[in-house]
Amino acid sequence: QLQLVESGGGSVQPGGSLTLACTASGSTMDDLAIGWFRQAPGKVREGVSCFIVSDDDPVYADSVKGRFTISRDKAKSTVYLQMNSLKIEDTAVYYCGAVNRWKIYTVQAMCDNYYNMESWGKGTLVTVSS
């Protein structure tokens, strides 16, 4: 059974950077489409960045384009989210979600519909404040 564990959250000032990590176990990464999602208090969970791990052709939410970068290290079974130029509105719990790559229609559709994920990590809190 696939398990996902996030790490790397924390508190940072506006303009700062953080790198989140999502380590997967129990499944071959090449079979997965993985995404980073976030949920701010009182808001719906939203897709931040998603990709099929073996294709490495990610999509990004408009709000993070040019600031966030998703990447993977297959040897470590880990997907990263490098977050630069952080803004107060980036404050949220960040979740790693995964689904079998053959079950998605497009990566964009996957990122737009968080409820299609089959597995979730427990989340890591990112707080951006001055």
Foldseek 3Di string as FASTA:
>chain_A
DKAKAKDWADEEAAQAKTKMKIAIPDDQLQQKKKFKWWDAPPDDIATAKIGRQVVLPMDGDPVQPPFWDWHDDRVRNMIMIIGGRDDQVVWTWMKMFMDGPVPDDDRVVCRGDVVPTDYIHPTDTHGYHD
